[in-house]
């Protein structure tokens, strides 16, 4: 086999194995010497190109100052004491705690007492009035049967306590 035919075979082989090197192989054929001594050229091998996977750069934003505080303020709890209302059987006074627009606590600070009959009536009337006030959230309460004067005084003192609590906000 002559040198030229060896070069042609090498180019054909290189082209079929590495199609991207066909131009290089053609240059080898054109420059192959025609001498009597057989000369072989080693086919050039190129390392397969590896490309790193493309990554999208991350954008990191740093704040130079903390985020602003919320503009809404939490409702504050207000405790108020109603006026003392004198009834036929004794004074009635109510205290309240209000959070926002909601009645959260009702306390009876004073109620008629002294004799056995008044104590007995108010022992069941006052808890009913407190429970009713918490349910209603206002001073629109029903009168407790048998404790009419205490109920009226309780409503008046409760309303004045609610007015004081709402005025304090």
N, C-alpha and C. Protein backbone atom coordinates (compact mmCIF):
# COMPACT_ATOMS: atom_id res chain seq x y z
N UNK A 1 0.85 -1.15 0.00
CA UNK A 1 0.00 0.00 0.00
C UNK A 1 0.90 1.22 0.00
N UNK A 2 0.58 2.17 -0.78
CA UNK A 2 1.42 3.36 -0.89
C UNK A 2 1.05 4.37 0.20
N UNK A 3 1.88 5.36 0.34
CA UNK A 3 1.67 6.39 1.36
C UNK A 3 0.40 7.16 1.09
N UNK A 4 0.12 7.42 -0.13
CA UNK A 4 -1.08 8.19 -0.46
C UNK A 4 -2.32 7.39 -0.12
N UNK A 5 -2.31 6.12 -0.41
CA UNK A 5 -3.50 5.32 -0.10
C UNK A 5 -3.68 5.16 1.40
N UNK A 6 -2.56 5.10 2.16
CA UNK A 6 -2.67 5.03 3.60
C UNK A 6 -3.28 6.31 4.14
N UNK A 7 -2.88 7.44 3.62
CA UNK A 7 -3.40 8.73 4.07
C UNK A 7 -4.87 8.84 3.75
N UNK A 8 -5.28 8.35 2.59
CA UNK A 8 -6.69 8.43 2.21
C UNK A 8 -7.53 7.53 3.13
N UNK A 9 -7.00 6.35 3.43
CA UNK A 9 -7.71 5.45 4.33
C UNK A 9 -7.82 6.09 5.71
N UNK A 10 -6.74 6.73 6.19
CA UNK A 10 -6.76 7.38 7.49
C UNK A 10 -7.77 8.51 7.52
N UNK A 11 -7.84 9.29 6.45
CA UNK A 11 -8.81 10.39 6.39
C UNK A 11 -10.22 9.84 6.38
N UNK A 12 -10.45 8.80 5.61
CA UNK A 12 -11.78 8.21 5.55
C UNK A 12 -12.18 7.65 6.90
N UNK A 13 -11.24 7.01 7.57
CA UNK A 13 -11.51 6.45 8.89
C UNK A 13 -11.79 7.57 9.90
N UNK A 14 -11.00 8.62 9.87
CA UNK A 14 -11.18 9.72 10.80
C UNK A 14 -12.50 10.44 10.55
N UNK A 15 -12.89 10.59 9.35
CA UNK A 15 -14.13 11.27 9.01
C UNK A 15 -15.33 10.47 9.50
N UNK A 16 -15.24 9.15 9.40
CA UNK A 16 -16.38 8.35 9.84
C UNK A 16 -16.46 8.27 11.36
N UNK A 17 -15.30 8.33 12.05
CA UNK A 17 -15.30 8.25 13.50
C UNK A 17 -15.57 9.62 14.11
N UNK A 18 -14.89 10.62 13.62
CA UNK A 18 -15.02 11.99 14.14
C UNK A 18 -15.42 12.91 13.02
N UNK A 19 -16.67 13.08 12.75
CA UNK A 19 -17.07 13.91 11.63
C UNK A 19 -16.63 15.36 11.77
N UNK A 20 -16.43 15.85 12.99
CA UNK A 20 -16.04 17.25 13.15
C UNK A 20 -14.59 17.48 12.75
N UNK A 21 -13.80 16.41 12.54
CA UNK A 21 -12.39 16.57 12.18
C UNK A 21 -12.15 16.31 10.70
N UNK A 22 -13.19 16.31 9.92
CA UNK A 22 -13.02 16.03 8.49
C UNK A 22 -12.15 17.06 7.82
N UNK A 23 -12.27 18.30 8.19
CA UNK A 23 -11.44 19.33 7.58
C UNK A 23 -9.98 19.13 7.94
N UNK A 24 -9.72 18.70 9.15
CA UNK A 24 -8.35 18.43 9.56
C UNK A 24 -7.80 17.26 8.76
N UNK A 25 -8.61 16.22 8.59
CA UNK A 25 -8.17 15.06 7.83
C UNK A 25 -7.88 15.41 6.39
N UNK A 26 -8.65 16.29 5.83
CA UNK A 26 -8.41 16.70 4.45
C UNK A 26 -7.08 17.41 4.33
N UNK A 27 -6.73 18.17 5.35
CA UNK A 27 -5.44 18.85 5.33
C UNK A 27 -4.31 17.85 5.41
N UNK A 28 -4.52 16.77 6.11
CA UNK A 28 -3.49 15.73 6.20
C UNK A 28 -3.28 15.10 4.85
N UNK A 29 -4.34 14.86 4.10
CA UNK A 29 -4.21 14.24 2.78
C UNK A 29 -3.45 15.17 1.85
N UNK A 30 -3.74 16.43 1.91
CA UNK A 30 -3.09 17.36 1.00
C UNK A 30 -1.62 17.50 1.30
N UNK A 31 -1.24 17.34 2.54
CA UNK A 31 0.16 17.56 2.90
C UNK A 31 0.93 16.26 3.08
N UNK A 32 0.33 15.15 2.78
CA UNK A 32 1.05 13.89 2.94
C UNK A 32 2.19 13.83 1.93
N UNK A 33 3.41 13.56 2.40
CA UNK A 33 4.55 13.50 1.45
C UNK A 33 4.48 12.24 0.60
N UNK A 34 5.06 12.33 -0.59
CA UNK A 34 5.09 11.18 -1.50
C UNK A 34 6.52 10.67 -1.60
N UNK A 35 6.93 10.15 -0.59
CA UNK A 35 8.30 9.62 -0.62
C UNK A 35 8.24 8.12 -0.61
N UNK A 36 9.37 7.53 -0.83
CA UNK A 36 9.42 6.08 -0.90
C UNK A 36 9.24 5.45 0.47
N UNK A 37 9.65 6.17 1.52
CA UNK A 37 9.52 5.60 2.85
C UNK A 37 8.09 5.76 3.34
N UNK A 38 7.55 4.66 3.80
CA UNK A 38 6.17 4.79 4.29
C UNK A 38 6.11 5.67 5.54
N UNK A 39 5.22 6.49 5.52
CA UNK A 39 5.08 7.42 6.63
C UNK A 39 3.63 7.40 7.09
N UNK A 40 3.47 7.20 8.34
CA UNK A 40 2.11 7.17 8.85
C UNK A 40 1.92 8.37 9.76
N UNK A 41 0.80 8.92 9.68
CA UNK A 41 0.48 10.04 10.58
C UNK A 41 -0.58 9.56 11.56
N UNK A 42 -0.31 9.85 12.76
CA UNK A 42 -1.29 9.46 13.78
C UNK A 42 -2.49 10.38 13.68
N UNK A 43 -3.63 9.78 13.71
CA UNK A 43 -4.81 10.64 13.61
C UNK A 43 -4.89 11.55 14.84
N UNK A 44 -5.26 12.76 14.60
CA UNK A 44 -5.41 13.70 15.70
C UNK A 44 -6.71 13.39 16.44
N UNK A 45 -6.55 13.32 17.70
CA UNK A 45 -7.75 13.08 18.49
C UNK A 45 -8.05 14.34 19.28
N UNK A 46 -9.27 14.63 19.34
CA UNK A 46 -9.66 15.79 20.12
C UNK A 46 -10.51 15.29 21.27
N UNK A 47 -10.26 15.86 22.39
CA UNK A 47 -11.05 15.47 23.56
C UNK A 47 -12.46 16.00 23.40
N UNK A 48 -13.40 15.19 23.76
CA UNK A 48 -14.77 15.69 23.64
C UNK A 48 -14.96 16.90 24.55
N UNK A 49 -15.64 17.86 24.01
CA UNK A 49 -15.86 19.09 24.78
C UNK A 49 -16.98 18.85 25.78
N UNK A 50 -16.66 19.20 26.97
CA UNK A 50 -17.70 19.13 27.99
C UNK A 50 -18.03 20.55 28.39
N UNK A 51 -19.26 20.82 28.42
CA UNK A 51 -19.67 22.17 28.83
C UNK A 51 -20.33 22.07 30.19
N UNK A 52 -19.99 22.99 31.01
CA UNK A 52 -20.60 23.04 32.34
C UNK A 52 -22.06 23.45 32.19
N UNK A 53 -22.90 22.90 32.98
CA UNK A 53 -24.30 23.29 32.87
C UNK A 53 -24.45 24.77 33.19
N UNK A 54 -25.27 25.40 32.40
CA UNK A 54 -25.48 26.84 32.61
C UNK A 54 -26.37 27.03 33.83
N UNK A 55 -25.94 27.93 34.62
CA UNK A 55 -26.74 28.24 35.80
C UNK A 55 -27.14 29.69 35.73
N UNK A 56 -28.32 29.93 36.16
CA UNK A 56 -28.79 31.31 36.21
C UNK A 56 -28.25 31.93 37.48
N UNK A 57 -27.62 33.07 37.38
CA UNK A 57 -27.07 33.68 38.59
C UNK A 57 -28.20 34.07 39.54
N UNK A 58 -27.97 33.86 40.81
CA UNK A 58 -28.95 34.25 41.81
C UNK A 58 -28.80 35.71 42.15
N UNK A 59 -29.90 36.34 42.28
CA UNK A 59 -29.89 37.73 42.69
C UNK A 59 -30.27 37.76 44.15
N UNK A 60 -29.36 38.23 44.94
CA UNK A 60 -29.61 38.32 46.38
C UNK A 60 -29.73 39.79 46.73
N UNK A 61 -30.83 40.11 47.32
CA UNK A 61 -31.04 41.51 47.69
C UNK A 61 -30.85 41.63 49.19
N UNK A 62 -30.01 42.53 49.55
CA UNK A 62 -29.77 42.78 50.97
C UNK A 62 -30.44 44.09 51.32
N UNK A 63 -31.15 44.06 52.40
CA UNK A 63 -31.79 45.29 52.85
C UNK A 63 -30.85 46.03 53.78
N UNK A 64 -30.79 47.29 53.58
CA UNK A 64 -29.92 48.08 54.44
C UNK A 64 -30.59 48.42 55.76
N UNK A 65 -31.90 48.31 55.82
CA UNK A 65 -32.60 48.58 57.06
C UNK A 65 -33.73 47.57 57.23
N UNK A 66 -34.17 47.36 58.44
CA UNK A 66 -35.25 46.39 58.66
C UNK A 66 -36.54 46.89 58.03
N UNK A 67 -37.47 45.97 57.76
CA UNK A 67 -38.74 46.40 57.16
C UNK A 67 -39.48 47.30 58.14
N UNK A 68 -40.30 48.19 57.60
CA UNK A 68 -41.00 49.11 58.48
C UNK A 68 -42.00 48.38 59.37
N UNK A 69 -42.22 48.91 60.53
CA UNK A 69 -43.16 48.32 61.47
C UNK A 69 -44.58 48.50 60.93
N UNK A 70 -45.46 47.56 61.22
CA UNK A 70 -46.84 47.71 60.75
C UNK A 70 -47.46 48.98 61.32
N UNK A 71 -48.31 49.59 60.50
CA UNK A 71 -48.89 50.85 60.92
C UNK A 71 -50.11 50.66 61.82
N UNK A 72 -50.69 49.47 61.80
CA UNK A 72 -51.84 49.24 62.66
C UNK A 72 -51.35 48.91 64.06
N UNK A 73 -52.04 49.43 65.02
CA UNK A 73 -51.68 49.15 66.40
C UNK A 73 -52.71 48.20 66.99
N UNK A 74 -52.24 47.38 67.88
CA UNK A 74 -53.14 46.43 68.52
C UNK A 74 -54.08 47.19 69.45
N UNK A 75 -55.33 46.74 69.53
CA UNK A 75 -56.25 47.44 70.42
C UNK A 75 -55.77 47.32 71.86
N UNK A 76 -55.94 48.38 72.59
CA UNK A 76 -55.47 48.34 73.97
C UNK A 76 -56.63 48.03 74.91
N UNK A 77 -56.27 47.40 75.99
CA UNK A 77 -57.25 47.04 77.00
C UNK A 77 -57.45 48.22 77.94
N UNK A 78 -58.71 48.57 78.18
CA UNK A 78 -59.04 49.70 79.04
C UNK A 78 -59.94 49.21 80.17
N UNK A 79 -59.59 49.57 81.38
CA UNK A 79 -60.41 49.24 82.54
C UNK A 79 -61.03 50.53 83.05
N UNK A 80 -62.33 50.47 83.31
CA UNK A 80 -63.04 51.67 83.77
C UNK A 80 -64.02 51.28 84.87
N UNK A 81 -64.30 52.26 85.69
CA UNK A 81 -65.24 52.07 86.79
C UNK A 81 -66.45 52.97 86.56
N UNK A 82 -67.63 52.37 86.68
CA UNK A 82 -68.86 53.14 86.51
C UNK A 82 -69.16 53.94 87.77
N UNK A 83 -70.07 54.86 87.62
CA UNK A 83 -70.49 55.67 88.76
C UNK A 83 -71.29 54.85 89.77
N UNK A 84 -71.30 55.32 90.98
CA UNK A 84 -72.08 54.67 92.03
C UNK A 84 -73.53 55.14 91.88
N UNK A 85 -74.44 54.18 91.76
CA UNK A 85 -75.86 54.49 91.62
C UNK A 85 -76.54 54.07 92.93
N UNK A 86 -77.17 55.03 93.56
CA UNK A 86 -77.87 54.76 94.82
C UNK A 86 -79.28 54.27 94.50
N UNK A 87 -79.60 53.10 95.00
CA UNK A 87 -80.94 52.54 94.82
C UNK A 87 -81.67 52.56 96.17
N UNK A 88 -82.93 52.18 96.17
CA UNK A 88 -83.74 52.15 97.38
C UNK A 88 -83.13 51.23 98.44
N UNK A 89 -82.38 50.19 97.98
CA UNK A 89 -81.84 49.21 98.93
C UNK A 89 -80.34 49.34 99.15
N UNK A 90 -79.69 50.26 98.43
CA UNK A 90 -78.26 50.46 98.63
C UNK A 90 -77.54 50.79 97.32
N UNK A 91 -76.24 51.12 97.39
CA UNK A 91 -75.48 51.53 96.20
C UNK A 91 -75.11 50.33 95.31
N UNK A 92 -75.02 50.62 93.98
CA UNK A 92 -74.57 49.64 92.98
C UNK A 92 -73.46 50.31 92.17
N UNK A 93 -72.36 49.60 91.98
CA UNK A 93 -71.24 50.10 91.16
C UNK A 93 -70.64 48.94 90.38
N UNK A 94 -70.32 49.20 89.11
CA UNK A 94 -69.82 48.17 88.20
C UNK A 94 -68.50 48.65 87.59
N UNK A 95 -67.56 47.73 87.44
CA UNK A 95 -66.31 48.00 86.74
C UNK A 95 -66.22 47.10 85.51
N UNK A 96 -65.59 47.59 84.44
CA UNK A 96 -65.48 46.82 83.19
C UNK A 96 -64.06 46.87 82.66
N UNK A 97 -63.74 45.88 81.82
CA UNK A 97 -62.51 45.89 81.02
C UNK A 97 -62.95 45.71 79.59
N UNK A 98 -62.47 46.61 78.73
CA UNK A 98 -62.84 46.60 77.32
C UNK A 98 -61.57 46.47 76.49
N UNK A 99 -61.59 45.57 75.51
CA UNK A 99 -60.48 45.38 74.57
C UNK A 99 -61.01 45.70 73.19
N UNK A 100 -60.54 46.80 72.61
CA UNK A 100 -61.09 47.24 71.33
C UNK A 100 -62.53 47.67 71.56
N UNK A 101 -63.46 47.01 70.89
CA UNK A 101 -64.88 47.28 71.09
C UNK A 101 -65.58 46.14 71.82
N UNK A 102 -64.82 45.26 72.42
CA UNK A 102 -65.39 44.07 73.05
C UNK A 102 -65.25 44.14 74.57
N UNK A 103 -66.34 43.85 75.21
CA UNK A 103 -66.37 43.78 76.66
C UNK A 103 -65.73 42.45 77.08
N UNK A 104 -64.64 42.51 77.84
CA UNK A 104 -63.92 41.29 78.21
C UNK A 104 -64.12 40.89 79.67
N UNK A 105 -64.51 41.85 80.52
CA UNK A 105 -64.71 41.52 81.92
C UNK A 105 -65.69 42.51 82.55
N UNK A 106 -66.56 41.99 83.42
CA UNK A 106 -67.50 42.81 84.18
C UNK A 106 -67.35 42.41 85.64
N UNK A 107 -67.20 43.40 86.52
CA UNK A 107 -67.08 43.15 87.96
C UNK A 107 -68.08 44.02 88.71
N UNK A 108 -68.74 43.43 89.64
CA UNK A 108 -69.63 44.21 90.51
C UNK A 108 -68.80 44.66 91.70
N UNK A 109 -68.62 45.96 91.83
CA UNK A 109 -67.79 46.51 92.90
C UNK A 109 -68.61 46.77 94.16
N UNK A 110 -69.86 47.18 93.99
CA UNK A 110 -70.74 47.40 95.14
C UNK A 110 -72.14 46.91 94.77
N UNK A 111 -72.83 46.39 95.73
CA UNK A 111 -74.24 46.04 95.53
C UNK A 111 -74.95 46.13 96.87
N UNK A 112 -76.26 46.30 96.83
CA UNK A 112 -76.99 46.42 98.10
C UNK A 112 -76.81 45.19 98.97
N UNK A 113 -76.64 45.41 100.23
CA UNK A 113 -76.50 44.31 101.19
C UNK A 113 -76.89 44.81 102.57
N UNK A 114 -76.93 43.95 103.49
CA UNK A 114 -77.22 44.38 104.87
C UNK A 114 -78.18 43.45 105.55
N UNK A 115 -79.36 43.30 105.02
CA UNK A 115 -80.29 42.40 105.68
C UNK A 115 -80.35 41.08 104.92
N UNK A 116 -80.94 40.07 105.50
CA UNK A 116 -81.00 38.73 104.91
C UNK A 116 -81.73 38.68 103.58
N UNK A 117 -82.85 39.40 103.48
CA UNK A 117 -83.63 39.38 102.24
C UNK A 117 -82.84 40.01 101.09
N UNK A 118 -82.20 41.16 101.29
CA UNK A 118 -81.42 41.84 100.25
C UNK A 118 -80.23 40.97 99.84
N UNK A 119 -79.56 40.37 100.78
CA UNK A 119 -78.41 39.49 100.47
C UNK A 119 -78.86 38.29 99.64
N UNK A 120 -79.99 37.71 100.00
CA UNK A 120 -80.49 36.55 99.27
C UNK A 120 -80.85 36.93 97.83
N UNK A 121 -81.51 38.04 97.63
CA UNK A 121 -81.91 38.48 96.28
C UNK A 121 -80.67 38.75 95.43
N UNK A 122 -79.73 39.49 95.99
CA UNK A 122 -78.54 39.86 95.20
C UNK A 122 -77.57 38.71 95.00
N UNK A 123 -77.66 37.68 95.82
CA UNK A 123 -76.77 36.52 95.62
C UNK A 123 -77.10 35.77 94.32
N UNK A 124 -78.34 35.86 93.88
CA UNK A 124 -78.65 35.25 92.57
C UNK A 124 -78.77 36.30 91.48
N UNK A 125 -79.10 37.57 91.81
CA UNK A 125 -79.30 38.61 90.79
C UNK A 125 -77.97 39.10 90.21
N UNK A 126 -76.97 39.32 91.04
CA UNK A 126 -75.69 39.87 90.57
C UNK A 126 -75.00 38.92 89.58
N UNK A 127 -74.86 37.61 89.84
CA UNK A 127 -74.25 36.72 88.84
C UNK A 127 -75.04 36.69 87.53
N UNK A 128 -76.36 36.78 87.60
CA UNK A 128 -77.16 36.80 86.38
C UNK A 128 -76.91 38.08 85.59
N UNK A 129 -76.83 39.20 86.28
CA UNK A 129 -76.58 40.48 85.60
C UNK A 129 -75.18 40.50 84.97
N UNK A 130 -74.18 39.98 85.67
CA UNK A 130 -72.82 39.92 85.10
C UNK A 130 -72.78 39.04 83.86
N UNK A 131 -73.43 37.88 83.93
CA UNK A 131 -73.45 36.96 82.79
C UNK A 131 -74.18 37.58 81.60
N UNK A 132 -75.29 38.22 81.87
CA UNK A 132 -76.07 38.87 80.81
C UNK A 132 -75.28 40.01 80.17
N UNK A 133 -74.55 40.77 80.97
CA UNK A 133 -73.73 41.87 80.45
C UNK A 133 -72.63 41.34 79.54
N UNK A 134 -71.99 40.25 79.93
CA UNK A 134 -70.94 39.66 79.08
C UNK A 134 -71.51 39.15 77.76
N UNK A 135 -72.69 38.55 77.81
CA UNK A 135 -73.33 38.06 76.58
C UNK A 135 -73.70 39.20 75.66
N UNK A 136 -74.34 40.23 76.24
CA UNK A 136 -74.83 41.35 75.44
C UNK A 136 -73.69 42.25 74.98
N UNK A 137 -72.68 42.42 75.82
CA UNK A 137 -71.57 43.31 75.47
C UNK A 137 -71.93 44.77 75.60
N UNK A 138 -73.08 45.04 76.20
CA UNK A 138 -73.53 46.42 76.40
C UNK A 138 -74.41 46.48 77.65
N UNK A 139 -75.07 47.62 77.87
CA UNK A 139 -75.89 47.80 79.07
C UNK A 139 -77.36 47.53 78.84
N UNK A 140 -77.72 46.94 77.73
CA UNK A 140 -79.13 46.61 77.43
C UNK A 140 -79.45 45.25 78.04
N UNK A 141 -79.73 45.25 79.34
CA UNK A 141 -79.95 44.01 80.09
C UNK A 141 -81.41 43.90 80.52
N UNK A 142 -81.86 42.68 80.63
CA UNK A 142 -83.19 42.43 81.18
C UNK A 142 -83.15 42.60 82.69
N UNK A 143 -84.27 42.95 83.25
CA UNK A 143 -84.39 43.07 84.69
C UNK A 143 -84.52 41.68 85.30
N UNK A 144 -83.77 41.44 86.36
CA UNK A 144 -83.86 40.17 87.06
C UNK A 144 -85.09 40.24 87.97
N UNK A 145 -85.96 39.24 87.85
CA UNK A 145 -87.20 39.21 88.63
C UNK A 145 -86.88 39.19 90.13
N UNK A 146 -87.52 40.10 90.85
CA UNK A 146 -87.30 40.20 92.29
C UNK A 146 -86.18 41.14 92.65
N UNK A 147 -85.40 41.61 91.64
CA UNK A 147 -84.28 42.52 91.91
C UNK A 147 -84.37 43.72 90.97
N UNK A 148 -85.54 44.31 90.93
CA UNK A 148 -85.79 45.41 89.99
C UNK A 148 -84.88 46.60 90.25
N UNK A 149 -84.77 47.04 91.50
CA UNK A 149 -83.98 48.22 91.80
C UNK A 149 -82.49 47.95 91.58
N UNK A 150 -82.02 46.79 91.95
CA UNK A 150 -80.62 46.42 91.72
C UNK A 150 -80.35 46.35 90.23
N UNK A 151 -81.26 45.79 89.44
CA UNK A 151 -81.09 45.68 87.98
C UNK A 151 -80.99 47.05 87.34
N UNK A 152 -81.86 47.98 87.75
CA UNK A 152 -81.83 49.34 87.18
C UNK A 152 -80.52 50.04 87.54
N UNK A 153 -80.10 49.95 88.78
CA UNK A 153 -78.83 50.56 89.21
C UNK A 153 -77.64 49.93 88.49
N UNK A 154 -77.70 48.63 88.30
CA UNK A 154 -76.63 47.90 87.62
C UNK A 154 -76.49 48.39 86.17
N UNK A 155 -77.63 48.52 85.47
CA UNK A 155 -77.61 49.01 84.07
C UNK A 155 -77.01 50.41 83.99
N UNK A 156 -77.40 51.29 84.90
CA UNK A 156 -76.90 52.66 84.87
C UNK A 156 -75.39 52.71 85.14
N UNK A 157 -74.93 51.98 86.13
CA UNK A 157 -73.50 51.97 86.45
C UNK A 157 -72.69 51.32 85.34
N UNK A 158 -73.24 50.25 84.76
CA UNK A 158 -72.57 49.58 83.64
C UNK A 158 -72.43 50.52 82.45
N UNK A 159 -73.49 51.26 82.13
CA UNK A 159 -73.42 52.19 81.00
C UNK A 159 -72.39 53.28 81.25
N UNK A 160 -72.32 53.81 82.46
CA UNK A 160 -71.32 54.84 82.75
C UNK A 160 -69.89 54.28 82.69
N UNK A 161 -69.72 53.02 83.08
CA UNK A 161 -68.39 52.38 82.99
C UNK A 161 -68.00 52.19 81.51
N UNK A 162 -68.95 51.75 80.69
CA UNK A 162 -68.67 51.58 79.25
C UNK A 162 -68.35 52.92 78.58
N UNK A 163 -69.09 53.96 78.95
CA UNK A 163 -68.82 55.29 78.40
C UNK A 163 -67.42 55.77 78.80
N UNK A 164 -67.03 55.54 80.05
CA UNK A 164 -65.69 55.93 80.51
C UNK A 164 -64.61 55.14 79.78
N UNK A 165 -64.85 53.86 79.55
CA UNK A 165 -63.85 53.02 78.84
C UNK A 165 -63.69 53.47 77.40
N UNK A 166 -64.79 53.78 76.72
CA UNK A 166 -64.71 54.22 75.33
C UNK A 166 -64.12 55.63 75.23
N UNK A 167 -64.36 56.45 76.25
CA UNK A 167 -63.77 57.80 76.25
C UNK A 167 -62.28 57.77 76.53
N UNK A 168 -61.79 56.73 77.19
CA UNK A 168 -60.37 56.64 77.56
C UNK A 168 -59.51 56.19 76.38
N UNK A 169 -60.10 55.71 75.32
CA UNK A 169 -59.30 55.22 74.18
C UNK A 169 -58.84 56.36 73.39
